[in-house]
Amino acid sequence: MTKKTYPYVPLFERETPPVHPGEILLEEFLEPLGLSQSEFARRIGVNFRTIHDIVNGRRGISPEMAIRLSRYFKTTPQFWMNLQRDYDLWRAYRKLEEKESAVRR
């Protein structure tokens, strides 16, 4: 299994958003284990649509989901919540920058 490396760039200096936690879930956990989204959903007791939406970036990681993921993959809930926090903060920062930029014009 080849681990991806992500160069450190301060959060708000990034031009592109941090990787969505769903992409990490898919590429670093599900695919290497050969787990389908539906099988994984069944194993952790959630609806397929929930996992599908997370993997496709349409849904974030809730605290409950972070606990489920951490139990299954032997990580910590904080790992998953930190990924989500960084993604959400970057998006909020950019959105606010756009609003402030529009006001200055």
PDB file of N, CA and C in Angstrom:
ATOM      1  N   MET A   1       0.845  -1.174   0.000  1.00  0.00           N
ATOM      2  CA  MET A   1       0.000   0.000   0.000  1.00  0.00           C
ATOM      3  C   MET A   1       0.891   1.237   0.000  1.00  0.00           C
ATOM      4  N   THR A   2       0.690   2.102  -0.958  1.00  0.00           N
ATOM      5  CA  THR A   2       1.461   3.330  -1.069  1.00  0.00           C
ATOM      6  C   THR A   2       0.695   4.462  -0.400  1.00  0.00           C
ATOM      7  N   LYS A   3       1.317   5.092   0.553  1.00  0.00           N
ATOM      8  CA  LYS A   3       0.689   6.223   1.239  1.00  0.00           C
ATOM      9  C   LYS A   3       0.913   7.493   0.446  1.00  0.00           C
ATOM     10  N   LYS A   4      -0.140   8.287   0.323  1.00  0.00           N
ATOM     11  CA  LYS A   4       0.002   9.598  -0.301  1.00  0.00           C
ATOM     12  C   LYS A   4       0.629  10.535   0.709  1.00  0.00           C
ATOM     13  N   THR A   5       1.407  11.465   0.225  1.00  0.00           N
ATOM     14  CA  THR A   5       1.933  12.499   1.105  1.00  0.00           C
ATOM     15  C   THR A   5       1.350  13.828   0.656  1.00  0.00           C
ATOM     16  N   TYR A   6       1.029  14.642   1.605  1.00  0.00           N
ATOM     17  CA  TYR A   6       0.437  15.940   1.332  1.00  0.00           C
ATOM     18  C   TYR A   6       1.361  17.005   1.902  1.00  0.00           C
ATOM     19  N   PRO A   7       1.930  17.857   1.048  1.00  0.00           N
ATOM     20  CA  PRO A   7       2.838  18.896   1.557  1.00  0.00           C
ATOM     21  C   PRO A   7       2.088  19.859   2.470  1.00  0.00           C
ATOM     22  N   TYR A   8       2.774  20.325   3.504  1.00  0.00           N
ATOM     23  CA  TYR A   8       2.137  21.260   4.425  1.00  0.00           C
ATOM     24  C   TYR A   8       2.138  22.662   3.834  1.00  0.00           C
ATOM     25  N   VAL A   9       0.958  23.221   3.751  1.00  0.00           N
ATOM     26  CA  VAL A   9       0.773  24.618   3.363  1.00  0.00           C
ATOM     27  C   VAL A   9      -0.213  25.174   4.378  1.00  0.00           C
ATOM     28  N   PRO A  10       0.090  26.323   5.011  1.00  0.00           N
ATOM     29  CA  PRO A  10      -0.859  26.882   5.969  1.00  0.00           C
ATOM     30  C   PRO A  10      -2.264  26.934   5.365  1.00  0.00           C
ATOM     31  N   LEU A  11      -3.239  26.571   6.174  1.00  0.00           N
ATOM     32  CA  LEU A  11      -4.613  26.375   5.710  1.00  0.00           C
ATOM     33  C   LEU A  11      -5.138  27.495   4.829  1.00  0.00           C
ATOM     34  N   PHE A  12      -5.021  28.728   5.274  1.00  0.00           N
ATOM     35  CA  PHE A  12      -5.646  29.823   4.534  1.00  0.00           C
ATOM     36  C   PHE A  12      -4.799  30.340   3.375  1.00  0.00           C
ATOM     37  N   GLU A  13      -3.603  29.798   3.214  1.00  0.00           N
ATOM     38  CA  GLU A  13      -2.770  30.168   2.068  1.00  0.00           C
ATOM     39  C   GLU A  13      -2.983  29.228   0.889  1.00  0.00           C
ATOM     40  N   ARG A  14      -3.726  28.184   1.102  1.00  0.00           N
ATOM     41  CA  ARG A  14      -3.981  27.222   0.031  1.00  0.00           C
ATOM     42  C   ARG A  14      -4.905  27.814  -1.018  1.00  0.00           C
ATOM     43  N   GLU A  15      -4.602  27.521  -2.261  1.00  0.00           N
ATOM     44  CA  GLU A  15      -5.472  27.949  -3.358  1.00  0.00           C
ATOM     45  C   GLU A  15      -6.622  26.970  -3.548  1.00  0.00           C
ATOM     46  N   THR A  16      -6.385  25.735  -3.218  1.00  0.00           N
ATOM     47  CA  THR A  16      -7.422  24.713  -3.333  1.00  0.00           C
ATOM     48  C   THR A  16      -7.777  24.218  -1.939  1.00  0.00           C
ATOM     49  N   PRO A  17      -8.987  23.729  -1.775  1.00  0.00           N
ATOM     50  CA  PRO A  17      -9.389  23.283  -0.438  1.00  0.00           C
ATOM     51  C   PRO A  17      -8.604  22.060   0.012  1.00  0.00           C
ATOM     52  N   PRO A  18      -8.536  21.865   1.322  1.00  0.00           N
ATOM     53  CA  PRO A  18      -7.954  20.614   1.813  1.00  0.00           C
ATOM     54  C   PRO A  18      -8.767  19.443   1.247  1.00  0.00           C
ATOM     55  N   VAL A  19      -8.182  18.298   1.252  1.00  0.00           N
ATOM     56  CA  VAL A  19      -8.867  17.109   0.757  1.00  0.00           C
ATOM     57  C   VAL A  19     -10.096  16.841   1.619  1.00  0.00           C
ATOM     58  N   HIS A  20     -11.223  16.566   0.967  1.00  0.00           N
ATOM     59  CA  HIS A  20     -12.444  16.238   1.709  1.00  0.00           C
ATOM     60  C   HIS A  20     -12.225  14.907   2.442  1.00  0.00           C
ATOM     61  N   PRO A  21     -12.732  14.788   3.666  1.00  0.00           N
ATOM     62  CA  PRO A  21     -12.554  13.537   4.410  1.00  0.00           C
ATOM     63  C   PRO A  21     -13.075  12.307   3.659  1.00  0.00           C
ATOM     64  N   GLY A  22     -14.083  12.500   2.825  1.00  0.00           N
ATOM     65  CA  GLY A  22     -14.605  11.375   2.051  1.00  0.00           C
ATOM     66  C   GLY A  22     -13.591  10.815   1.076  1.00  0.00           C
ATOM     67  N   GLU A  23     -12.756  11.689   0.524  1.00  0.00           N
ATOM     68  CA  GLU A  23     -11.708  11.229  -0.391  1.00  0.00           C
ATOM     69  C   GLU A  23     -10.670  10.405   0.368  1.00  0.00           C
ATOM     70  N   ILE A  24     -10.345  10.850   1.572  1.00  0.00           N
ATOM     71  CA  ILE A  24      -9.418  10.099   2.425  1.00  0.00           C
ATOM     72  C   ILE A  24     -10.032   8.743   2.770  1.00  0.00           C
ATOM     73  N   LEU A  25     -11.304   8.759   3.151  1.00  0.00           N
ATOM     74  CA  LEU A  25     -11.994   7.517   3.488  1.00  0.00           C
ATOM     75  C   LEU A  25     -11.914   6.522   2.332  1.00  0.00           C
ATOM     76  N   LEU A  26     -12.211   6.983   1.141  1.00  0.00           N
ATOM     77  CA  LEU A  26     -12.212   6.102  -0.019  1.00  0.00           C
ATOM     78  C   LEU A  26     -10.807   5.625  -0.384  1.00  0.00           C
ATOM     79  N   GLU A  27      -9.888   6.577  -0.576  1.00  0.00           N
ATOM     80  CA  GLU A  27      -8.575   6.240  -1.133  1.00  0.00           C
ATOM     81  C   GLU A  27      -7.589   5.634  -0.136  1.00  0.00           C
ATOM     82  N   GLU A  28      -7.706   6.010   1.117  1.00  0.00           N
ATOM     83  CA  GLU A  28      -6.735   5.536   2.108  1.00  0.00           C
ATOM     84  C   GLU A  28      -7.257   4.391   2.977  1.00  0.00           C
ATOM     85  N   PHE A  29      -8.565   4.172   2.965  1.00  0.00           N
ATOM     86  CA  PHE A  29      -9.133   3.140   3.834  1.00  0.00           C
ATOM     87  C   PHE A  29      -9.944   2.096   3.071  1.00  0.00           C
ATOM     88  N   LEU A  30     -10.983   2.510   2.364  1.00  0.00           N
ATOM     89  CA  LEU A  30     -11.849   1.529   1.709  1.00  0.00           C
ATOM     90  C   LEU A  30     -11.154   0.787   0.570  1.00  0.00           C
ATOM     91  N   GLU A  31     -10.579   1.533  -0.365  1.00  0.00           N
ATOM     92  CA  GLU A  31      -9.952   0.888  -1.527  1.00  0.00           C
ATOM     93  C   GLU A  31      -8.808  -0.054  -1.147  1.00  0.00           C
ATOM     94  N   PRO A  32      -7.881   0.359  -0.274  1.00  0.00           N
ATOM     95  CA  PRO A  32      -6.801  -0.574   0.081  1.00  0.00           C
ATOM     96  C   PRO A  32      -7.301  -1.865   0.743  1.00  0.00           C
ATOM     97  N   LEU A  33      -8.449  -1.777   1.425  1.00  0.00           N
ATOM     98  CA  LEU A  33      -9.004  -2.961   2.078  1.00  0.00           C
ATOM     99  C   LEU A  33      -9.940  -3.741   1.160  1.00  0.00           C
ATOM    100  N   GLY A  34     -10.168  -3.213  -0.035  1.00  0.00           N
ATOM    101  CA  GLY A  34     -11.080  -3.873  -0.965  1.00  0.00           C
ATOM    102  C   GLY A  34     -12.522  -3.847  -0.505  1.00  0.00           C
ATOM    103  N   LEU A  35     -12.881  -2.830   0.280  1.00  0.00           N
ATOM    104  CA  LEU A  35     -14.243  -2.706   0.809  1.00  0.00           C
ATOM    105  C   LEU A  35     -15.090  -1.834  -0.102  1.00  0.00           C
ATOM    106  N   SER A  36     -16.256  -2.330  -0.482  1.00  0.00           N
ATOM    107  CA  SER A  36     -17.190  -1.496  -1.238  1.00  0.00           C
ATOM    108  C   SER A  36     -17.892  -0.553  -0.266  1.00  0.00           C
ATOM    109  N   GLN A  37     -18.442   0.502  -0.798  1.00  0.00           N
ATOM    110  CA  GLN A  37     -19.180   1.448   0.038  1.00  0.00           C
ATOM    111  C   GLN A  37     -20.372   0.766   0.699  1.00  0.00           C
ATOM    112  N   SER A  38     -21.075  -0.068  -0.046  1.00  0.00           N
ATOM    113  CA  SER A  38     -22.263  -0.726   0.514  1.00  0.00           C
ATOM    114  C   SER A  38     -21.884  -1.721   1.613  1.00  0.00           C
ATOM    115  N   GLU A  39     -20.818  -2.484   1.398  1.00  0.00           N
ATOM    116  CA  GLU A  39     -20.378  -3.434   2.422  1.00  0.00           C
ATOM    117  C   GLU A  39     -19.903  -2.692   3.667  1.00  0.00           C
ATOM    118  N   PHE A  40     -19.167  -1.616   3.476  1.00  0.00           N
ATOM    119  CA  PHE A  40     -18.696  -0.840   4.617  1.00  0.00           C
ATOM    120  C   PHE A  40     -19.869  -0.242   5.388  1.00  0.00           C
ATOM    121  N   ALA A  41     -20.834   0.313   4.670  1.00  0.00           N
ATOM    122  CA  ALA A  41     -22.021   0.881   5.323  1.00  0.00           C
ATOM    123  C   ALA A  41     -22.714  -0.180   6.176  1.00  0.00           C
ATOM    124  N   ARG A  42     -22.872  -1.368   5.620  1.00  0.00           N
ATOM    125  CA  ARG A  42     -23.509  -2.457   6.364  1.00  0.00           C
ATOM    126  C   ARG A  42     -22.712  -2.786   7.626  1.00  0.00           C
ATOM    127  N   ARG A  43     -21.395  -2.845   7.494  1.00  0.00           N
ATOM    128  CA  ARG A  43     -20.552  -3.215   8.636  1.00  0.00           C
ATOM    129  C   ARG A  43     -20.605  -2.207   9.776  1.00  0.00           C
ATOM    130  N   ILE A  44     -20.764  -0.924   9.453  1.00  0.00           N
ATOM    131  CA  ILE A  44     -20.790   0.073  10.544  1.00  0.00           C
ATOM    132  C   ILE A  44     -22.213   0.500  10.901  1.00  0.00           C
ATOM    133  N   GLY A  45     -23.210  -0.109  10.257  1.00  0.00           N
ATOM    134  CA  GLY A  45     -24.601   0.120  10.643  1.00  0.00           C
ATOM    135  C   GLY A  45     -25.203   1.427  10.170  1.00  0.00           C
ATOM    136  N   VAL A  46     -24.815   1.858   8.971  1.00  0.00           N
ATOM    137  CA  VAL A  46     -25.416   3.072   8.409  1.00  0.00           C
ATOM    138  C   VAL A  46     -25.936   2.768   7.005  1.00  0.00           C
ATOM    139  N   ASN A  47     -26.724   3.685   6.494  1.00  0.00           N
ATOM    140  CA  ASN A  47     -27.285   3.570   5.157  1.00  0.00           C
ATOM    141  C   ASN A  47     -26.189   3.752   4.111  1.00  0.00           C
ATOM    142  N   PHE A  48     -26.290   3.014   3.012  1.00  0.00           N
ATOM    143  CA  PHE A  48     -25.337   3.158   1.909  1.00  0.00           C
ATOM    144  C   PHE A  48     -25.230   4.605   1.457  1.00  0.00           C
ATOM    145  N   ARG A  49     -26.365   5.303   1.355  1.00  0.00           N
ATOM    146  CA  ARG A  49     -26.387   6.680   0.853  1.00  0.00           C
ATOM    147  C   ARG A  49     -25.500   7.578   1.714  1.00  0.00           C
ATOM    148  N   THR A  50     -25.460   7.332   2.999  1.00  0.00           N
ATOM    149  CA  THR A  50     -24.621   8.133   3.899  1.00  0.00           C
ATOM    150  C   THR A  50     -23.151   8.030   3.493  1.00  0.00           C
ATOM    151  N   ILE A  51     -22.669   6.811   3.323  1.00  0.00           N
ATOM    152  CA  ILE A  51     -21.269   6.614   2.932  1.00  0.00           C
ATOM    153  C   ILE A  51     -21.030   7.149   1.527  1.00  0.00           C
ATOM    154  N   HIS A  52     -21.946   6.879   0.634  1.00  0.00           N
ATOM    155  CA  HIS A  52     -21.830   7.352  -0.750  1.00  0.00           C
ATOM    156  C   HIS A  52     -21.700   8.877  -0.789  1.00  0.00           C
ATOM    157  N   ASP A  53     -22.539   9.570  -0.022  1.00  0.00           N
ATOM    158  CA  ASP A  53     -22.496  11.035   0.005  1.00  0.00           C
ATOM    159  C   ASP A  53     -21.202  11.559   0.626  1.00  0.00           C
ATOM    160  N   ILE A  54     -20.711  10.900   1.653  1.00  0.00           N
ATOM    161  CA  ILE A  54     -19.440  11.318   2.264  1.00  0.00           C
ATOM    162  C   ILE A  54     -18.305  11.144   1.266  1.00  0.00           C
ATOM    163  N   VAL A  55     -18.226   9.977   0.656  1.00  0.00           N
ATOM    164  CA  VAL A  55     -17.151   9.676  -0.296  1.00  0.00           C
ATOM    165  C   VAL A  55     -17.170  10.633  -1.482  1.00  0.00           C
ATOM    166  N   ASN A  56     -18.355  11.086  -1.870  1.00  0.00           N
ATOM    167  CA  ASN A  56     -18.477  11.991  -3.011  1.00  0.00           C
ATOM    168  C   ASN A  56     -18.489  13.465  -2.614  1.00  0.00           C
ATOM    169  N   GLY A  57     -18.171  13.760  -1.350  1.00  0.00           N
ATOM    170  CA  GLY A  57     -18.036  15.140  -0.902  1.00  0.00           C
ATOM    171  C   GLY A  57     -19.342  15.895  -0.740  1.00  0.00           C
ATOM    172  N   ARG A  58     -20.457  15.188  -0.711  1.00  0.00           N
ATOM    173  CA  ARG A  58     -21.757  15.851  -0.562  1.00  0.00           C
ATOM    174  C   ARG A  58     -22.235  15.886   0.883  1.00  0.00           C
ATOM    175  N   ARG A  59     -21.504  15.220   1.747  1.00  0.00           N
ATOM    176  CA  ARG A  59     -21.860  15.181   3.163  1.00  0.00           C
ATOM    177  C   ARG A  59     -20.570  15.191   3.958  1.00  0.00           C
ATOM    178  N   GLY A  60     -20.617  15.849   5.090  1.00  0.00           N
ATOM    179  CA  GLY A  60     -19.440  15.900   5.947  1.00  0.00           C
ATOM    180  C   GLY A  60     -19.434  14.772   6.964  1.00  0.00           C
ATOM    181  N   ILE A  61     -18.391  14.754   7.749  1.00  0.00           N
ATOM    182  CA  ILE A  61     -18.234  13.773   8.820  1.00  0.00           C
ATOM    183  C   ILE A  61     -18.830  14.365  10.092  1.00  0.00           C
ATOM    184  N   SER A  62     -19.880  13.748  10.591  1.00  0.00           N
ATOM    185  CA  SER A  62     -20.493  14.181  11.849  1.00  0.00           C
ATOM    186  C   SER A  62     -19.697  13.580  13.009  1.00  0.00           C
ATOM    187  N   PRO A  63     -19.892  14.112  14.221  1.00  0.00           N
ATOM    188  CA  PRO A  63     -19.211  13.496  15.365  1.00  0.00           C
ATOM    189  C   PRO A  63     -19.550  12.007  15.515  1.00  0.00           C
ATOM    190  N   GLU A  64     -20.814  11.655  15.313  1.00  0.00           N
ATOM    191  CA  GLU A  64     -21.197  10.238  15.414  1.00  0.00           C
ATOM    192  C   GLU A  64     -20.474   9.397  14.359  1.00  0.00           C
ATOM    193  N   MET A  65     -20.413   9.906  13.143  1.00  0.00           N
ATOM    194  CA  MET A  65     -19.724   9.169  12.083  1.00  0.00           C
ATOM    195  C   MET A  65     -18.231   9.066  12.389  1.00  0.00           C
ATOM    196  N   ALA A  66     -17.653  10.122  12.950  1.00  0.00           N
ATOM    197  CA  ALA A  66     -16.233  10.086  13.318  1.00  0.00           C
ATOM    198  C   ALA A  66     -15.968   8.960  14.316  1.00  0.00           C
ATOM    199  N   ILE A  67     -16.885   8.766  15.237  1.00  0.00           N
ATOM    200  CA  ILE A  67     -16.737   7.685  16.219  1.00  0.00           C
ATOM    201  C   ILE A  67     -16.845   6.329  15.525  1.00  0.00           C
ATOM    202  N   ARG A  68     -17.841   6.185  14.642  1.00  0.00           N
ATOM    203  CA  ARG A  68     -18.001   4.921  13.911  1.00  0.00           C
ATOM    204  C   ARG A  68     -16.742   4.601  13.089  1.00  0.00           C
ATOM    205  N   LEU A  69     -16.237   5.607  12.368  1.00  0.00           N
ATOM    206  CA  LEU A  69     -15.045   5.405  11.542  1.00  0.00           C
ATOM    207  C   LEU A  69     -13.837   5.046  12.400  1.00  0.00           C
ATOM    208  N   SER A  70     -13.681   5.757  13.511  1.00  0.00           N
ATOM    209  CA  SER A  70     -12.515   5.509  14.364  1.00  0.00           C
ATOM    210  C   SER A  70     -12.563   4.117  14.983  1.00  0.00           C
ATOM    211  N   ARG A  71     -13.743   3.665  15.339  1.00  0.00           N
ATOM    212  CA  ARG A  71     -13.856   2.314  15.901  1.00  0.00           C
ATOM    213  C   ARG A  71     -13.513   1.254  14.858  1.00  0.00           C
ATOM    214  N   TYR A  72     -14.005   1.447  13.658  1.00  0.00           N
ATOM    215  CA  TYR A  72     -13.784   0.445  12.614  1.00  0.00           C
ATOM    216  C   TYR A  72     -12.326   0.412  12.165  1.00  0.00           C
ATOM    217  N   PHE A  73     -11.751   1.591  11.946  1.00  0.00           N
ATOM    218  CA  PHE A  73     -10.400   1.662  11.388  1.00  0.00           C
ATOM    219  C   PHE A  73      -9.304   1.807  12.438  1.00  0.00           C
ATOM    220  N   LYS A  74      -9.684   1.789  13.707  1.00  0.00           N
ATOM    221  CA  LYS A  74      -8.706   1.911  14.800  1.00  0.00           C
ATOM    222  C   LYS A  74      -7.919   3.219  14.696  1.00  0.00           C
ATOM    223  N   THR A  75      -8.657   4.283  14.401  1.00  0.00           N
ATOM    224  CA  THR A  75      -8.080   5.630  14.410  1.00  0.00           C
ATOM    225  C   THR A  75      -8.706   6.350  15.598  1.00  0.00           C
ATOM    226  N   THR A  76      -8.691   7.666  15.577  1.00  0.00           N
ATOM    227  CA  THR A  76      -9.368   8.431  16.624  1.00  0.00           C
ATOM    228  C   THR A  76     -10.484   9.253  15.988  1.00  0.00           C
ATOM    229  N   PRO A  77     -11.524   9.574  16.764  1.00  0.00           N
ATOM    230  CA  PRO A  77     -12.551  10.467  16.232  1.00  0.00           C
ATOM    231  C   PRO A  77     -11.948  11.820  15.841  1.00  0.00           C
ATOM    232  N   GLN A  78     -10.936  12.250  16.587  1.00  0.00           N
ATOM    233  CA  GLN A  78     -10.300  13.536  16.300  1.00  0.00           C
ATOM    234  C   GLN A  78      -9.665  13.556  14.915  1.00  0.00           C
ATOM    235  N   PHE A  79      -9.106  12.445  14.487  1.00  0.00           N
ATOM    236  CA  PHE A  79      -8.524  12.367  13.144  1.00  0.00           C
ATOM    237  C   PHE A  79      -9.561  12.771  12.104  1.00  0.00           C
ATOM    238  N   TRP A  80     -10.743  12.174  12.187  1.00  0.00           N
ATOM    239  CA  TRP A  80     -11.798  12.442  11.208  1.00  0.00           C
ATOM    240  C   TRP A  80     -12.370  13.842  11.370  1.00  0.00           C
ATOM    241  N   MET A  81     -12.560  14.270  12.620  1.00  0.00           N
ATOM    242  CA  MET A  81     -13.121  15.603  12.856  1.00  0.00           C
ATOM    243  C   MET A  81     -12.140  16.690  12.425  1.00  0.00           C
ATOM    244  N   ASN A  82     -10.851  16.471  12.601  1.00  0.00           N
ATOM    245  CA  ASN A  82      -9.857  17.457  12.160  1.00  0.00           C
ATOM    246  C   ASN A  82      -9.848  17.597  10.647  1.00  0.00           C
ATOM    247  N   LEU A  83      -9.981  16.482   9.937  1.00  0.00           N
ATOM    248  CA  LEU A  83     -10.079  16.564   8.476  1.00  0.00           C
ATOM    249  C   LEU A  83     -11.286  17.404   8.071  1.00  0.00           C
ATOM    250  N   GLN A  84     -12.425  17.142   8.726  1.00  0.00           N
ATOM    251  CA  GLN A  84     -13.651  17.873   8.393  1.00  0.00           C
ATOM    252  C   GLN A  84     -13.528  19.340   8.777  1.00  0.00           C
ATOM    253  N   ARG A  85     -12.954  19.599   9.948  1.00  0.00           N
ATOM    254  CA  ARG A  85     -12.776  20.980  10.405  1.00  0.00           C
ATOM    255  C   ARG A  85     -11.939  21.786   9.416  1.00  0.00           C
ATOM    256  N   ASP A  86     -10.821  21.245   8.985  1.00  0.00           N
ATOM    257  CA  ASP A  86      -9.961  21.965   8.045  1.00  0.00           C
ATOM    258  C   ASP A  86     -10.685  22.240   6.737  1.00  0.00           C
ATOM    259  N   TYR A  87     -11.411  21.260   6.247  1.00  0.00           N
ATOM    260  CA  TYR A  87     -12.163  21.425   5.000  1.00  0.00           C
ATOM    261  C   TYR A  87     -13.223  22.524   5.160  1.00  0.00           C
ATOM    262  N   ASP A  88     -13.978  22.466   6.250  1.00  0.00           N
ATOM    263  CA  ASP A  88     -15.039  23.453   6.490  1.00  0.00           C
ATOM    264  C   ASP A  88     -14.479  24.852   6.720  1.00  0.00           C
ATOM    265  N   LEU A  89     -13.400  24.962   7.490  1.00  0.00           N
ATOM    266  CA  LEU A  89     -12.796  26.273   7.755  1.00  0.00           C
ATOM    267  C   LEU A  89     -12.289  26.925   6.477  1.00  0.00           C
ATOM    268  N   TRP A  90     -11.635  26.151   5.625  1.00  0.00           N
ATOM    269  CA  TRP A  90     -11.121  26.696   4.374  1.00  0.00           C
ATOM    270  C   TRP A  90     -12.266  27.231   3.524  1.00  0.00           C
ATOM    271  N   ARG A  91     -13.329  26.451   3.424  1.00  0.00           N
ATOM    272  CA  ARG A  91     -14.482  26.881   2.613  1.00  0.00           C
ATOM    273  C   ARG A  91     -15.127  28.139   3.197  1.00  0.00           C
ATOM    274  N   ALA A  92     -15.286  28.197   4.521  1.00  0.00           N
ATOM    275  CA  ALA A  92     -15.880  29.370   5.161  1.00  0.00           C
ATOM    276  C   ALA A  92     -14.996  30.597   4.964  1.00  0.00           C
ATOM    277  N   TYR A  93     -13.688  30.415   5.086  1.00  0.00           N
ATOM    278  CA  TYR A  93     -12.739  31.514   4.905  1.00  0.00           C
ATOM    279  C   TYR A  93     -12.844  32.081   3.494  1.00  0.00           C
ATOM    280  N   ARG A  94     -12.858  31.209   2.503  1.00  0.00           N
ATOM    281  CA  ARG A  94     -12.952  31.658   1.103  1.00  0.00           C
ATOM    282  C   ARG A  94     -14.286  32.336   0.822  1.00  0.00           C
ATOM    283  N   LYS A  95     -15.346  31.803   1.377  1.00  0.00           N
ATOM    284  CA  LYS A  95     -16.673  32.391   1.174  1.00  0.00           C
ATOM    285  C   LYS A  95     -16.722  33.801   1.767  1.00  0.00           C
ATOM    286  N   LEU A  96     -16.171  33.963   2.967  1.00  0.00           N
ATOM    287  CA  LEU A  96     -16.135  35.273   3.606  1.00  0.00           C
ATOM    288  C   LEU A  96     -15.256  36.234   2.815  1.00  0.00           C
ATOM    289  N   GLU A  97     -14.123  35.760   2.315  1.00  0.00           N
ATOM    290  CA  GLU A  97     -13.259  36.604   1.475  1.00  0.00           C
ATOM    291  C   GLU A  97     -14.011  37.112   0.248  1.00  0.00           C
ATOM    292  N   GLU A  98     -14.784  36.235  -0.379  1.00  0.00           N
ATOM    293  CA  GLU A  98     -15.561  36.628  -1.558  1.00  0.00           C
ATOM    294  C   GLU A  98     -16.590  37.699  -1.206  1.00  0.00           C
ATOM    295  N   LYS A  99     -17.277  37.523  -0.074  1.00  0.00           N
ATOM    296  CA  LYS A  99     -18.275  38.512   0.353  1.00  0.00           C
ATOM    297  C   LYS A  99     -17.610  39.856   0.639  1.00  0.00           C
ATOM    298  N   GLU A 100     -16.490  39.822   1.358  1.00  0.00           N
ATOM    299  CA  GLU A 100     -15.792  41.061   1.694  1.00  0.00           C
ATOM    300  C   GLU A 100     -15.245  41.739   0.447  1.00  0.00           C
ATOM    301  N   SER A 101     -14.781  40.965  -0.490  1.00  0.00           N
ATOM    302  CA  SER A 101     -14.273  41.505  -1.745  1.00  0.00           C
ATOM    303  C   SER A 101     -15.390  42.188  -2.524  1.00  0.00           C
ATOM    304  N   ALA A 102     -16.568  41.604  -2.525  1.00  0.00           N
ATOM    305  CA  ALA A 102     -17.715  42.181  -3.234  1.00  0.00           C
ATOM    306  C   ALA A 102     -18.142  43.499  -2.595  1.00  0.00           C
ATOM    307  N   VAL A 103     -18.040  43.605  -1.275  1.00  0.00           N
ATOM    308  CA  VAL A 103     -18.422  44.829  -0.563  1.00  0.00           C
ATOM    309  C   VAL A 103     -17.448  45.959  -0.883  1.00  0.00           C
ATOM    310  N   ARG A 104     -16.173  45.654  -1.060  1.00  0.00           N
ATOM    311  CA  ARG A 104     -15.153  46.670  -1.334  1.00  0.00           C
ATOM    312  C   ARG A 104     -15.246  47.243  -2.734  1.00  0.00           C
ATOM    313  N   ARG A 105     -15.894  46.540  -3.630  1.00  0.00           N
ATOM    314  CA  ARG A 105     -15.956  47.009  -5.026  1.00  0.00           C
ATOM    315  C   ARG A 105     -16.840  48.190  -5.191  1.00  0.00           C
TER     316      ARG A 105
END
